[in-house]
Amino acid sequence: MRLDKVFSKHSLFALHVAFLIILAPTFTPAQGKAPDVLYKEILPSVVILTVEKADGSRVVGSAFLALDNKVAVTSYSLVDQATSVVATFSSGEVFDVSGIIDKDEKRDLALIRIKVFGGTLLDLESTDPPIGSRAYLIGSPEGSDFTITDGLISNTKIENGVKSYKFTCPAASGNIGGAIVNDRGKVIGIVSSIGTGLHSAAPSVFALGLDTTLPTHPWPTQASREPQYGAPARVAQPPAAAPVPEDFDPTGLLCNFTLQRTSKPTTTTDNCGSTQSSGGSTGSRRIAQLRSQM
């Protein structure tokens, strides 16, 4: 066999392998989005809730649009005992919140109805995030509205039969009800409590279990709640009426008669059948007289 033929075959084989390597798909782990990209994508769906409570207090928390038009997900403890709630978007627009659609008190979740049409809905993740994965939070910590912070999902815990995630994103009370998202922008949890260093969030899969088709329960007014927080007001009752005799005849209630000036005592008979004596009375008058049976 000639050497030029051997080299030619080897060269063709090498070129073929190199060509396959170039064209073959490269399988690399999916890269997450940069924080600034996530912030721009998520921000239009995040709202700050200002909640007026029945005891007269005012609290601030967070929520986010998801699941359906005009629906937002938040923490139930944030809107419990509310008499009025308004939602503020990052654009500065403010909309009323009509009330609660559905809730899961045990897992501290609620769906609320916002009087706004349209808006970008965030996607909810249905699986647990890996421990140690990156997480981001946009909310209103200590009055710093629409602030993004990042951290890790540090643990998954079950307490009293309720599952929750522990996360390290810096957070404060204004983040309650806010969304924790992964590096792909999907919601993985809803902030339920603030701790020291570690905070808790309800898994987003439980929000997927709430029913958006239920009727909205409006916030009760302050007046309707007042009896629940004190003794009911006493209403004055009118005095009881005197009993009426069974044989009472109302036609004999009003009796008319006329007395004429005379020089002698006179006796007149009224239209009730009774008599009246008078000695020289002047004028005309009407009297009401009950019959003898009263």
C-alpha atoms as a PDB file:
ATOM      1  CA  MET A   1       0.000   0.000   0.000  1.00  0.00           C
ATOM      2  CA  ARG A   2       1.279   3.366  -0.955  1.00  0.00           C
ATOM      3  CA  LEU A   3       2.046   5.799   1.888  1.00  0.00           C
ATOM      4  CA  ASP A   4       0.285   8.662   0.214  1.00  0.00           C
ATOM      5  CA  LYS A   5      -2.948   6.681   0.263  1.00  0.00           C
ATOM      6  CA  VAL A   6      -2.520   5.881   3.993  1.00  0.00           C
ATOM      7  CA  PHE A   7      -1.900   9.519   4.893  1.00  0.00           C
ATOM      8  CA  SER A   8      -4.807  10.529   2.725  1.00  0.00           C
ATOM      9  CA  LYS A   9      -7.164   8.192   4.606  1.00  0.00           C
ATOM     10  CA  HIS A  10      -5.879   9.385   7.988  1.00  0.00           C
ATOM     11  CA  SER A  11      -6.259  12.988   6.969  1.00  0.00           C
ATOM     12  CA  LEU A  12      -9.822  12.473   5.813  1.00  0.00           C
ATOM     13  CA  PHE A  13     -10.694  10.703   9.076  1.00  0.00           C
ATOM     14  CA  ALA A  14      -9.187  13.504  11.161  1.00  0.00           C
ATOM     15  CA  LEU A  15     -11.066  16.134   9.197  1.00  0.00           C
ATOM     16  CA  HIS A  16     -14.301  14.202   9.628  1.00  0.00           C
ATOM     17  CA  VAL A  17     -13.849  13.982  13.426  1.00  0.00           C
ATOM     18  CA  ALA A  18     -13.003  17.661  13.668  1.00  0.00           C
ATOM     19  CA  PHE A  19     -16.086  18.551  11.641  1.00  0.00           C
ATOM     20  CA  LEU A  20     -18.332  16.509  13.947  1.00  0.00           C
ATOM     21  CA  ILE A  21     -16.833  18.149  17.022  1.00  0.00           C
ATOM     22  CA  ILE A  22     -17.479  21.609  15.640  1.00  0.00           C
ATOM     23  CA  LEU A  23     -21.096  20.868  14.723  1.00  0.00           C
ATOM     24  CA  ALA A  24     -21.972  18.828  17.806  1.00  0.00           C
ATOM     25  CA  PRO A  25     -24.154  20.684  20.414  1.00  0.00           C
ATOM     26  CA  THR A  26     -22.351  21.690  23.540  1.00  0.00           C
ATOM     27  CA  PHE A  27     -24.201  20.667  26.740  1.00  0.00           C
ATOM     28  CA  THR A  28     -23.447  23.198  29.432  1.00  0.00           C
ATOM     29  CA  PRO A  29     -25.501  24.102  32.498  1.00  0.00           C
ATOM     30  CA  ALA A  30     -28.105  26.796  31.872  1.00  0.00           C
ATOM     31  CA  GLN A  31     -26.764  30.190  32.787  1.00  0.00           C
ATOM     32  CA  GLY A  32     -28.867  32.372  35.098  1.00  0.00           C
ATOM     33  CA  LYS A  33     -29.786  35.936  34.276  1.00  0.00           C
ATOM     34  CA  ALA A  34     -27.814  38.852  35.615  1.00  0.00           C
ATOM     35  CA  PRO A  35     -29.375  40.625  38.648  1.00  0.00           C
ATOM     36  CA  ASP A  36     -29.954  43.852  36.716  1.00  0.00           C
ATOM     37  CA  VAL A  37     -31.809  41.941  34.000  1.00  0.00           C
ATOM     38  CA  LEU A  38     -33.938  40.137  36.573  1.00  0.00           C
ATOM     39  CA  TYR A  39     -34.771  43.409  38.307  1.00  0.00           C
ATOM     40  CA  LYS A  40     -36.039  45.008  35.092  1.00  0.00           C
ATOM     41  CA  GLU A  41     -38.126  41.961  34.228  1.00  0.00           C
ATOM     42  CA  ILE A  42     -39.682  41.444  37.671  1.00  0.00           C
ATOM     43  CA  LEU A  43     -40.202  45.048  38.786  1.00  0.00           C
ATOM     44  CA  PRO A  44     -43.446  45.747  36.821  1.00  0.00           C
ATOM     45  CA  SER A  45     -45.123  42.811  38.593  1.00  0.00           C
ATOM     46  CA  VAL A  46     -44.200  43.854  42.143  1.00  0.00           C
ATOM     47  CA  VAL A  47     -46.478  46.054  44.269  1.00  0.00           C
ATOM     48  CA  ILE A  48     -46.129  47.690  47.664  1.00  0.00           C
ATOM     49  CA  LEU A  49     -49.218  47.209  49.860  1.00  0.00           C
ATOM     50  CA  THR A  50     -50.330  49.839  52.365  1.00  0.00           C
ATOM     51  CA  VAL A  51     -52.731  48.160  54.802  1.00  0.00           C
ATOM     52  CA  GLU A  52     -55.095  49.890  57.237  1.00  0.00           C
ATOM     53  CA  LYS A  53     -55.926  47.549  60.129  1.00  0.00           C
ATOM     54  CA  ALA A  54     -59.077  47.348  62.231  1.00  0.00           C
ATOM     55  CA  ASP A  55     -57.187  48.513  65.332  1.00  0.00           C
ATOM     56  CA  GLY A  56     -56.237  51.751  63.548  1.00  0.00           C
ATOM     57  CA  SER A  57     -52.642  50.747  62.756  1.00  0.00           C
ATOM     58  CA  ARG A  58     -51.015  50.928  59.320  1.00  0.00           C
ATOM     59  CA  VAL A  59     -48.525  48.392  57.961  1.00  0.00           C
ATOM     60  CA  VAL A  60     -46.568  48.139  54.722  1.00  0.00           C
ATOM     61  CA  GLY A  61     -45.701  44.943  52.880  1.00  0.00           C
ATOM     62  CA  SER A  62     -45.302  43.477  49.403  1.00  0.00           C
ATOM     63  CA  ALA A  63     -47.168  41.422  46.812  1.00  0.00           C
ATOM     64  CA  PHE A  64     -46.771  40.413  43.166  1.00  0.00           C
ATOM     65  CA  LEU A  65     -49.003  39.780  40.163  1.00  0.00           C
ATOM     66  CA  ALA A  66     -49.404  36.107  39.277  1.00  0.00           C
ATOM     67  CA  LEU A  67     -51.815  33.348  38.272  1.00  0.00           C
ATOM     68  CA  ASP A  68     -54.516  35.519  36.653  1.00  0.00           C
ATOM     69  CA  ASN A  69     -55.427  39.038  35.593  1.00  0.00           C
ATOM     70  CA  LYS A  70     -56.037  41.418  38.541  1.00  0.00           C
ATOM     71  CA  VAL A  71     -54.746  38.777  41.001  1.00  0.00           C
ATOM     72  CA  ALA A  72     -51.788  39.227  43.325  1.00  0.00           C
ATOM     73  CA  VAL A  73     -50.134  36.826  45.761  1.00  0.00           C
ATOM     74  CA  THR A  74     -49.132  37.981  49.238  1.00  0.00           C
ATOM     75  CA  SER A  75     -48.914  36.922  52.879  1.00  0.00           C
ATOM     76  CA  TYR A  76     -52.228  36.337  54.653  1.00  0.00           C
ATOM     77  CA  SER A  77     -50.934  37.766  57.934  1.00  0.00           C
ATOM     78  CA  LEU A  78     -50.232  41.054  56.126  1.00  0.00           C
ATOM     79  CA  VAL A  79     -53.858  41.605  55.047  1.00  0.00           C
ATOM     80  CA  ASP A  80     -55.642  39.853  57.915  1.00  0.00           C
ATOM     81  CA  GLN A  81     -57.928  42.222  59.898  1.00  0.00           C
ATOM     82  CA  ALA A  82     -57.577  44.837  57.137  1.00  0.00           C
ATOM     83  CA  THR A  83     -60.239  47.468  56.520  1.00  0.00           C
ATOM     84  CA  SER A  84     -58.521  49.091  53.530  1.00  0.00           C
ATOM     85  CA  VAL A  85     -55.624  48.113  51.236  1.00  0.00           C
ATOM     86  CA  VAL A  86     -54.011  49.997  48.343  1.00  0.00           C
ATOM     87  CA  ALA A  87     -51.335  48.751  45.944  1.00  0.00           C
ATOM     88  CA  THR A  88     -48.542  50.968  44.581  1.00  0.00           C
ATOM     89  CA  PHE A  89     -46.608  49.985  41.458  1.00  0.00           C
ATOM     90  CA  SER A  90     -43.056  51.057  40.651  1.00  0.00           C
ATOM     91  CA  SER A  91     -44.505  53.523  38.129  1.00  0.00           C
ATOM     92  CA  GLY A  92     -46.074  55.409  41.032  1.00  0.00           C
ATOM     93  CA  GLU A  93     -49.623  54.403  40.085  1.00  0.00           C
ATOM     94  CA  VAL A  94     -51.883  53.472  42.994  1.00  0.00           C
ATOM     95  CA  PHE A  95     -54.835  51.052  42.786  1.00  0.00           C
ATOM     96  CA  ASP A  96     -57.396  49.895  45.330  1.00  0.00           C
ATOM     97  CA  VAL A  97     -57.397  46.288  46.476  1.00  0.00           C
ATOM     98  CA  SER A  98     -60.951  44.918  46.564  1.00  0.00           C
ATOM     99  CA  GLY A  99     -60.433  42.088  49.019  1.00  0.00           C
ATOM    100  CA  ILE A 100     -59.335  38.471  49.471  1.00  0.00           C
ATOM    101  CA  ILE A 101     -60.091  35.839  46.846  1.00  0.00           C
ATOM    102  CA  ASP A 102     -58.649  32.778  48.578  1.00  0.00           C
ATOM    103  CA  LYS A 103     -56.298  32.087  51.477  1.00  0.00           C
ATOM    104  CA  ASP A 104     -54.245  29.429  53.228  1.00  0.00           C
ATOM    105  CA  GLU A 105     -53.912  30.609  56.822  1.00  0.00           C
ATOM    106  CA  LYS A 106     -51.739  27.650  57.818  1.00  0.00           C
ATOM    107  CA  ARG A 107     -49.103  28.484  55.191  1.00  0.00           C
ATOM    108  CA  ASP A 108     -49.686  32.253  55.436  1.00  0.00           C
ATOM    109  CA  LEU A 109     -50.735  32.792  51.822  1.00  0.00           C
ATOM    110  CA  ALA A 110     -53.498  34.865  50.249  1.00  0.00           C
ATOM    111  CA  LEU A 111     -54.754  35.863  46.822  1.00  0.00           C
ATOM    112  CA  ILE A 112     -56.027  39.447  46.601  1.00  0.00           C
ATOM    113  CA  ARG A 113     -57.916  41.310  43.889  1.00  0.00           C
ATOM    114  CA  ILE A 114     -56.307  44.507  42.557  1.00  0.00           C
ATOM    115  CA  LYS A 115     -58.375  46.900  40.456  1.00  0.00           C
ATOM    116  CA  VAL A 116     -55.898  47.009  37.602  1.00  0.00           C
ATOM    117  CA  PHE A 117     -56.154  45.522  34.127  1.00  0.00           C
ATOM    118  CA  GLY A 118     -53.204  43.825  32.499  1.00  0.00           C
ATOM    119  CA  GLY A 119     -49.753  43.697  33.993  1.00  0.00           C
ATOM    120  CA  THR A 120     -47.018  41.117  33.681  1.00  0.00           C
ATOM    121  CA  LEU A 121     -47.692  37.938  35.643  1.00  0.00           C
ATOM    122  CA  LEU A 122     -44.761  36.175  37.290  1.00  0.00           C
ATOM    123  CA  ASP A 123     -44.370  32.424  36.823  1.00  0.00           C
ATOM    124  CA  LEU A 124     -44.444  30.220  39.929  1.00  0.00           C
ATOM    125  CA  GLU A 125     -42.025  27.317  40.297  1.00  0.00           C
ATOM    126  CA  SER A 126     -43.607  23.993  41.256  1.00  0.00           C
ATOM    127  CA  THR A 127     -40.438  22.236  42.440  1.00  0.00           C
ATOM    128  CA  ASP A 128     -38.112  22.843  45.380  1.00  0.00           C
ATOM    129  CA  PRO A 129     -35.016  24.930  44.690  1.00  0.00           C
ATOM    130  CA  PRO A 130     -31.644  23.275  45.314  1.00  0.00           C
ATOM    131  CA  ILE A 131     -30.108  24.051  48.697  1.00  0.00           C
ATOM    132  CA  GLY A 132     -27.416  26.647  48.139  1.00  0.00           C
ATOM    133  CA  SER A 133     -28.975  28.061  44.981  1.00  0.00           C
ATOM    134  CA  ARG A 134     -29.048  31.792  44.361  1.00  0.00           C
ATOM    135  CA  ALA A 135     -32.212  33.731  45.255  1.00  0.00           C
ATOM    136  CA  TYR A 136     -33.354  37.333  44.769  1.00  0.00           C
ATOM    137  CA  LEU A 137     -35.928  39.438  46.591  1.00  0.00           C
ATOM    138  CA  ILE A 138     -37.627  42.696  45.552  1.00  0.00           C
ATOM    139  CA  GLY A 139     -39.711  44.529  48.130  1.00  0.00           C
ATOM    140  CA  SER A 140     -39.915  47.407  50.569  1.00  0.00           C
ATOM    141  CA  PRO A 141     -37.468  46.854  53.443  1.00  0.00           C
ATOM    142  CA  GLU A 142     -37.647  49.691  55.990  1.00  0.00           C
ATOM    143  CA  GLY A 143     -39.397  52.021  53.558  1.00  0.00           C
ATOM    144  CA  SER A 144     -36.848  51.539  50.741  1.00  0.00           C
ATOM    145  CA  ASP A 145     -39.441  50.710  48.094  1.00  0.00           C
ATOM    146  CA  PHE A 146     -38.617  48.336  45.249  1.00  0.00           C
ATOM    147  CA  THR A 147     -35.210  47.318  46.550  1.00  0.00           C
ATOM    148  CA  ILE A 148     -33.497  44.160  45.255  1.00  0.00           C
ATOM    149  CA  THR A 149     -31.360  41.977  47.517  1.00  0.00           C
ATOM    150  CA  ASP A 150     -29.765  38.601  46.918  1.00  0.00           C
ATOM    151  CA  GLY A 151     -28.801  35.570  48.963  1.00  0.00           C
ATOM    152  CA  LEU A 152     -29.080  31.796  49.101  1.00  0.00           C
ATOM    153  CA  ILE A 153     -31.720  29.185  49.786  1.00  0.00           C
ATOM    154  CA  SER A 154     -30.107  27.780  52.886  1.00  0.00           C
ATOM    155  CA  ASN A 155     -32.514  25.092  54.032  1.00  0.00           C
ATOM    156  CA  THR A 156     -35.907  23.451  53.706  1.00  0.00           C
ATOM    157  CA  LYS A 157     -37.750  22.939  56.973  1.00  0.00           C
ATOM    158  CA  ILE A 158     -41.029  21.378  58.118  1.00  0.00           C
ATOM    159  CA  GLU A 159     -42.485  22.727  61.364  1.00  0.00           C
ATOM    160  CA  ASN A 160     -45.885  21.644  62.710  1.00  0.00           C
ATOM    161  CA  GLY A 161     -46.587  19.976  59.404  1.00  0.00           C
ATOM    162  CA  VAL A 162     -45.890  23.141  57.399  1.00  0.00           C
ATOM    163  CA  LYS A 163     -43.041  23.283  54.906  1.00  0.00           C
ATOM    164  CA  SER A 164     -40.985  26.458  54.459  1.00  0.00           C
ATOM    165  CA  TYR A 165     -37.734  27.643  52.923  1.00  0.00           C
ATOM    166  CA  LYS A 166     -35.010  29.417  54.864  1.00  0.00           C
ATOM    167  CA  PHE A 167     -33.200  32.092  52.898  1.00  0.00           C
ATOM    168  CA  THR A 168     -30.426  34.621  53.505  1.00  0.00           C
ATOM    169  CA  CYS A 169     -31.479  37.568  51.320  1.00  0.00           C
ATOM    170  CA  PRO A 170     -31.435  40.727  53.483  1.00  0.00           C
ATOM    171  CA  ALA A 171     -35.062  41.474  54.350  1.00  0.00           C
ATOM    172  CA  ALA A 172     -37.247  43.507  56.710  1.00  0.00           C
ATOM    173  CA  SER A 173     -40.934  43.738  57.594  1.00  0.00           C
ATOM    174  CA  GLY A 174     -41.701  45.562  54.332  1.00  0.00           C
ATOM    175  CA  ASN A 175     -40.691  42.403  52.439  1.00  0.00           C
ATOM    176  CA  ILE A 176     -43.496  40.337  53.996  1.00  0.00           C
ATOM    177  CA  GLY A 177     -45.634  38.957  51.165  1.00  0.00           C
ATOM    178  CA  GLY A 178     -42.937  39.567  48.556  1.00  0.00           C
ATOM    179  CA  ALA A 179     -41.652  37.118  45.954  1.00  0.00           C
ATOM    180  CA  ILE A 180     -38.351  35.267  46.160  1.00  0.00           C
ATOM    181  CA  VAL A 181     -37.195  34.391  42.651  1.00  0.00           C
ATOM    182  CA  ASN A 182     -34.458  32.182  41.264  1.00  0.00           C
ATOM    183  CA  ASP A 183     -31.853  33.268  38.730  1.00  0.00           C
ATOM    184  CA  ARG A 184     -34.302  32.543  35.906  1.00  0.00           C
ATOM    185  CA  GLY A 185     -36.922  34.922  37.287  1.00  0.00           C
ATOM    186  CA  LYS A 186     -39.360  32.266  38.519  1.00  0.00           C
ATOM    187  CA  VAL A 187     -41.011  32.678  41.910  1.00  0.00           C
ATOM    188  CA  ILE A 188     -39.840  29.995  44.328  1.00  0.00           C
ATOM    189  CA  GLY A 189     -41.275  31.372  47.582  1.00  0.00           C
ATOM    190  CA  ILE A 190     -43.375  34.055  49.303  1.00  0.00           C
ATOM    191  CA  VAL A 191     -41.857  35.787  52.335  1.00  0.00           C
ATOM    192  CA  SER A 192     -43.801  34.852  55.474  1.00  0.00           C
ATOM    193  CA  SER A 193     -41.589  35.856  58.409  1.00  0.00           C
ATOM    194  CA  ILE A 194     -38.444  37.832  59.149  1.00  0.00           C
ATOM    195  CA  GLY A 195     -35.813  36.402  61.480  1.00  0.00           C
ATOM    196  CA  THR A 196     -32.272  37.236  62.497  1.00  0.00           C
ATOM    197  CA  GLY A 197     -30.055  36.399  59.554  1.00  0.00           C
ATOM    198  CA  LEU A 198     -32.369  33.639  58.301  1.00  0.00           C
ATOM    199  CA  HIS A 199     -35.905  34.363  57.084  1.00  0.00           C
ATOM    200  CA  SER A 200     -38.803  32.106  56.087  1.00  0.00           C
ATOM    201  CA  ALA A 201     -40.807  31.795  52.900  1.00  0.00           C
ATOM    202  CA  ALA A 202     -43.774  29.653  51.895  1.00  0.00           C
ATOM    203  CA  PRO A 203     -43.029  27.488  48.829  1.00  0.00           C
ATOM    204  CA  SER A 204     -44.643  28.891  45.694  1.00  0.00           C
ATOM    205  CA  VAL A 205     -46.236  25.548  44.863  1.00  0.00           C
ATOM    206  CA  PHE A 206     -48.779  26.176  47.644  1.00  0.00           C
ATOM    207  CA  ALA A 207     -49.870  29.414  45.971  1.00  0.00           C
ATOM    208  CA  LEU A 208     -50.561  27.345  42.870  1.00  0.00           C
ATOM    209  CA  GLY A 209     -53.092  25.421  44.966  1.00  0.00           C
ATOM    210  CA  LEU A 210     -55.211  28.506  45.709  1.00  0.00           C
ATOM    211  CA  ASP A 211     -58.378  29.134  43.683  1.00  0.00           C
ATOM    212  CA  THR A 212     -58.485  32.315  41.588  1.00  0.00           C
ATOM    213  CA  THR A 213     -62.109  31.700  40.527  1.00  0.00           C
ATOM    214  CA  LEU A 214     -63.629  32.211  43.969  1.00  0.00           C
ATOM    215  CA  PRO A 215     -65.645  35.402  44.610  1.00  0.00           C
ATOM    216  CA  THR A 216     -63.782  38.291  46.196  1.00  0.00           C
ATOM    217  CA  HIS A 217     -64.488  38.892  49.886  1.00  0.00           C
ATOM    218  CA  PRO A 218     -64.373  42.686  50.415  1.00  0.00           C
ATOM    219  CA  TRP A 219     -62.675  44.231  53.417  1.00  0.00           C
ATOM    220  CA  PRO A 220     -65.102  44.784  56.306  1.00  0.00           C
ATOM    221  CA  THR A 221     -65.658  48.393  57.260  1.00  0.00           C
ATOM    222  CA  GLN A 222     -64.448  49.800  60.558  1.00  0.00           C
ATOM    223  CA  ALA A 223     -68.016  50.163  61.832  1.00  0.00           C
ATOM    224  CA  SER A 224     -68.863  46.528  61.139  1.00  0.00           C
ATOM    225  CA  ARG A 225     -65.779  45.395  63.074  1.00  0.00           C
ATOM    226  CA  GLU A 226     -66.262  47.535  66.195  1.00  0.00           C
ATOM    227  CA  PRO A 227     -68.598  45.134  68.034  1.00  0.00           C
ATOM    228  CA  GLN A 228     -65.920  42.426  67.727  1.00  0.00           C
ATOM    229  CA  TYR A 229     -63.458  44.438  69.818  1.00  0.00           C
ATOM    230  CA  GLY A 230     -65.648  45.500  72.742  1.00  0.00           C
ATOM    231  CA  ALA A 231     -68.993  45.101  74.441  1.00  0.00           C
ATOM    232  CA  PRO A 232     -71.924  45.682  72.096  1.00  0.00           C
ATOM    233  CA  ALA A 233     -73.564  49.070  72.407  1.00  0.00           C
ATOM    234  CA  ARG A 234     -76.742  49.164  74.507  1.00  0.00           C
ATOM    235  CA  VAL A 235     -79.802  50.371  72.676  1.00  0.00           C
ATOM    236  CA  ALA A 236     -82.407  52.240  74.708  1.00  0.00           C
ATOM    237  CA  GLN A 237     -85.786  50.505  74.703  1.00  0.00           C
ATOM    238  CA  PRO A 238     -89.049  52.467  74.740  1.00  0.00           C
ATOM    239  CA  PRO A 239     -91.223  52.046  77.876  1.00  0.00           C
ATOM    240  CA  ALA A 240     -93.795  49.297  77.731  1.00  0.00           C
ATOM    241  CA  ALA A 241     -97.295  50.452  76.832  1.00  0.00           C
ATOM    242  CA  ALA A 242    -100.106  50.070  79.384  1.00  0.00           C
ATOM    243  CA  PRO A 243    -102.338  47.061  78.740  1.00  0.00           C
ATOM    244  CA  VAL A 244    -105.588  47.790  76.899  1.00  0.00           C
ATOM    245  CA  PRO A 245    -108.800  46.267  78.306  1.00  0.00           C
ATOM    246  CA  GLU A 246    -110.251  43.558  76.125  1.00  0.00           C
ATOM    247  CA  ASP A 247    -113.683  45.275  76.040  1.00  0.00           C
ATOM    248  CA  PHE A 248    -112.289  48.708  75.163  1.00  0.00           C
ATOM    249  CA  ASP A 249    -114.377  50.522  72.510  1.00  0.00           C
ATOM    250  CA  PRO A 250    -112.313  53.164  70.663  1.00  0.00           C
ATOM    251  CA  THR A 251    -115.481  54.837  69.300  1.00  0.00           C
ATOM    252  CA  GLY A 252    -116.220  56.151  72.733  1.00  0.00           C
ATOM    253  CA  LEU A 253    -112.828  57.816  73.155  1.00  0.00           C
ATOM    254  CA  LEU A 254    -113.782  61.231  71.831  1.00  0.00           C
ATOM    255  CA  CYS A 255    -116.912  62.817  73.187  1.00  0.00           C
ATOM    256  CA  ASN A 256    -118.330  66.192  72.184  1.00  0.00           C
ATOM    257  CA  PHE A 257    -120.818  68.356  73.883  1.00  0.00           C
ATOM    258  CA  THR A 258    -121.789  72.017  74.079  1.00  0.00           C
ATOM    259  CA  LEU A 259    -122.608  74.010  77.179  1.00  0.00           C
ATOM    260  CA  GLN A 260    -124.927  76.971  76.777  1.00  0.00           C
ATOM    261  CA  ARG A 261    -124.981  80.032  79.020  1.00  0.00           C
ATOM    262  CA  THR A 262    -128.049  79.775  81.208  1.00  0.00           C
ATOM    263  CA  SER A 263    -129.214  81.360  84.389  1.00  0.00           C
ATOM    264  CA  LYS A 264    -129.839  77.962  85.923  1.00  0.00           C
ATOM    265  CA  PRO A 265    -127.797  74.852  86.248  1.00  0.00           C
ATOM    266  CA  THR A 266    -128.276  72.682  83.158  1.00  0.00           C
ATOM    267  CA  THR A 267    -127.779  69.087  82.324  1.00  0.00           C
ATOM    268  CA  THR A 268    -126.475  68.090  78.895  1.00  0.00           C
ATOM    269  CA  THR A 269    -126.047  64.784  77.267  1.00  0.00           C
ATOM    270  CA  ASP A 270    -122.948  64.169  75.051  1.00  0.00           C
ATOM    271  CA  ASN A 271    -122.655  61.863  72.073  1.00  0.00           C
ATOM    272  CA  CYS A 272    -121.197  59.163  74.321  1.00  0.00           C
ATOM    273  CA  GLY A 273    -124.413  58.768  76.199  1.00  0.00           C
ATOM    274  CA  SER A 274    -123.129  60.265  79.484  1.00  0.00           C
ATOM    275  CA  THR A 275    -124.432  63.356  81.272  1.00  0.00           C
ATOM    276  CA  GLN A 276    -122.706  66.452  82.535  1.00  0.00           C
ATOM    277  CA  SER A 277    -124.130  69.078  84.910  1.00  0.00           C
ATOM    278  CA  SER A 278    -122.999  72.694  84.780  1.00  0.00           C
ATOM    279  CA  GLY A 279    -124.113  75.823  86.483  1.00  0.00           C
ATOM    280  CA  GLY A 280    -123.801  78.722  84.117  1.00  0.00           C
ATOM    281  CA  SER A 281    -120.606  77.714  82.127  1.00  0.00           C
ATOM    282  CA  THR A 282    -119.736  79.870  79.132  1.00  0.00           C
ATOM    283  CA  GLY A 283    -118.513  78.906  75.671  1.00  0.00           C
ATOM    284  CA  SER A 284    -118.067  75.774  73.674  1.00  0.00           C
ATOM    285  CA  ARG A 285    -115.497  73.069  74.403  1.00  0.00           C
ATOM    286  CA  ARG A 286    -114.457  69.504  73.447  1.00  0.00           C
ATOM    287  CA  ILE A 287    -113.426  66.924  75.983  1.00  0.00           C
ATOM    288  CA  ALA A 288    -112.166  63.407  75.735  1.00  0.00           C
ATOM    289  CA  GLN A 289    -113.743  61.005  78.127  1.00  0.00           C
ATOM    290  CA  LEU A 290    -113.295  57.291  78.489  1.00  0.00           C
ATOM    291  CA  ARG A 291    -116.336  55.213  78.933  1.00  0.00           C
ATOM    292  CA  SER A 292    -117.122  53.637  82.271  1.00  0.00           C
ATOM    293  CA  GLN A 293    -115.584  50.304  81.280  1.00  0.00           C
ATOM    294  CA  MET A 294    -112.114  51.884  81.409  1.00  0.00           C
END
